[in-house]
């Protein structure tokens, strides 16, 4: 059986989909911000540094 919480989350997601499909400028701004964050936060150098931290902690 599906909970009410799950149903409400699905309905909320559908409303958000409709909203962002109708507001292209906001959608583009979110995409641009996400792209900028990805390029600044998830570089190879930073990812390897994080992996080395985990290895050091585990050792």
C-alpha atoms as a PDB file:
ATOM      1  CA  UNK A   1       0.000   0.000   0.000  1.00  0.00           C
ATOM      2  CA  UNK A   2       1.251   3.484  -0.854  1.00  0.00           C
ATOM      3  CA  UNK A   3       1.376   5.971   2.035  1.00  0.00           C
ATOM      4  CA  UNK A   4      -0.253   9.388   1.965  1.00  0.00           C
ATOM      5  CA  UNK A   5       3.187  10.902   2.346  1.00  0.00           C
ATOM      6  CA  UNK A   6       4.323   9.250  -0.889  1.00  0.00           C
ATOM      7  CA  UNK A   7       1.208  10.426  -2.709  1.00  0.00           C
ATOM      8  CA  UNK A   8       1.710  13.999  -1.476  1.00  0.00           C
ATOM      9  CA  UNK A   9       5.358  13.929  -2.583  1.00  0.00           C
ATOM     10  CA  UNK A  10       4.328  12.790  -6.062  1.00  0.00           C
ATOM     11  CA  UNK A  11       1.672  15.518  -6.290  1.00  0.00           C
ATOM     12  CA  UNK A  12       4.235  18.107  -5.131  1.00  0.00           C
ATOM     13  CA  UNK A  13       6.692  16.904  -7.780  1.00  0.00           C
ATOM     14  CA  UNK A  14       4.021  17.202 -10.488  1.00  0.00           C
ATOM     15  CA  UNK A  15       3.220  20.780  -9.427  1.00  0.00           C
ATOM     16  CA  UNK A  16       6.916  21.663  -9.518  1.00  0.00           C
ATOM     17  CA  UNK A  17       7.310  20.112 -12.961  1.00  0.00           C
ATOM     18  CA  UNK A  18       4.381  22.160 -14.279  1.00  0.00           C
ATOM     19  CA  UNK A  19       5.730  25.316 -12.632  1.00  0.00           C
ATOM     20  CA  UNK A  20       9.245  25.050 -14.045  1.00  0.00           C
ATOM     21  CA  UNK A  21       7.996  24.073 -17.487  1.00  0.00           C
ATOM     22  CA  UNK A  22       5.990  27.302 -17.457  1.00  0.00           C
ATOM     23  CA  UNK A  23       8.878  29.459 -16.138  1.00  0.00           C
ATOM     24  CA  UNK A  24      11.783  28.937 -18.505  1.00  0.00           C
ATOM     25  CA  UNK A  25      13.909  31.829 -17.169  1.00  0.00           C
ATOM     26  CA  UNK A  26      13.897  30.401 -13.647  1.00  0.00           C
ATOM     27  CA  UNK A  27      14.656  26.945 -15.012  1.00  0.00           C
ATOM     28  CA  UNK A  28      17.593  28.304 -17.009  1.00  0.00           C
ATOM     29  CA  UNK A  29      18.921  30.192 -13.970  1.00  0.00           C
ATOM     30  CA  UNK A  30      18.801  27.044 -11.831  1.00  0.00           C
ATOM     31  CA  UNK A  31      20.567  25.074 -14.549  1.00  0.00           C
ATOM     32  CA  UNK A  32      23.254  27.750 -14.899  1.00  0.00           C
ATOM     33  CA  UNK A  33      23.853  27.872 -11.136  1.00  0.00           C
ATOM     34  CA  UNK A  34      24.062  24.077 -10.960  1.00  0.00           C
ATOM     35  CA  UNK A  35      26.535  23.989 -13.854  1.00  0.00           C
ATOM     36  CA  UNK A  36      28.732  26.640 -12.212  1.00  0.00           C
ATOM     37  CA  UNK A  37      28.691  24.795  -8.891  1.00  0.00           C
ATOM     38  CA  UNK A  38      29.549  21.515 -10.582  1.00  0.00           C
ATOM     39  CA  UNK A  39      32.541  23.010 -12.407  1.00  0.00           C
ATOM     40  CA  UNK A  40      33.839  24.724  -9.258  1.00  0.00           C
ATOM     41  CA  UNK A  41      33.111  22.059  -6.629  1.00  0.00           C
ATOM     42  CA  UNK A  42      33.658  18.788  -8.450  1.00  0.00           C
ATOM     43  CA  UNK A  43      37.039  19.145 -10.120  1.00  0.00           C
ATOM     44  CA  UNK A  44      39.342  16.135 -10.407  1.00  0.00           C
ATOM     45  CA  UNK A  45      41.723  17.777  -7.960  1.00  0.00           C
ATOM     46  CA  UNK A  46      39.056  18.225  -5.294  1.00  0.00           C
ATOM     47  CA  UNK A  47      37.620  14.740  -5.823  1.00  0.00           C
ATOM     48  CA  UNK A  48      41.025  13.081  -5.532  1.00  0.00           C
ATOM     49  CA  UNK A  49      41.697  15.135  -2.400  1.00  0.00           C
ATOM     50  CA  UNK A  50      38.448  13.873  -0.869  1.00  0.00           C
ATOM     51  CA  UNK A  51      39.313  10.283  -1.788  1.00  0.00           C
ATOM     52  CA  UNK A  52      42.761  10.620  -0.189  1.00  0.00           C
ATOM     53  CA  UNK A  53      41.155  11.999   2.992  1.00  0.00           C
ATOM     54  CA  UNK A  54      38.914   8.935   3.202  1.00  0.00           C
ATOM     55  CA  UNK A  55      41.848   6.586   2.605  1.00  0.00           C
ATOM     56  CA  UNK A  56      43.878   8.324   5.326  1.00  0.00           C
ATOM     57  CA  UNK A  57      40.977   8.125   7.768  1.00  0.00           C
ATOM     58  CA  UNK A  58      40.497   4.411   7.050  1.00  0.00           C
ATOM     59  CA  UNK A  59      44.201   3.587   7.414  1.00  0.00           C
END
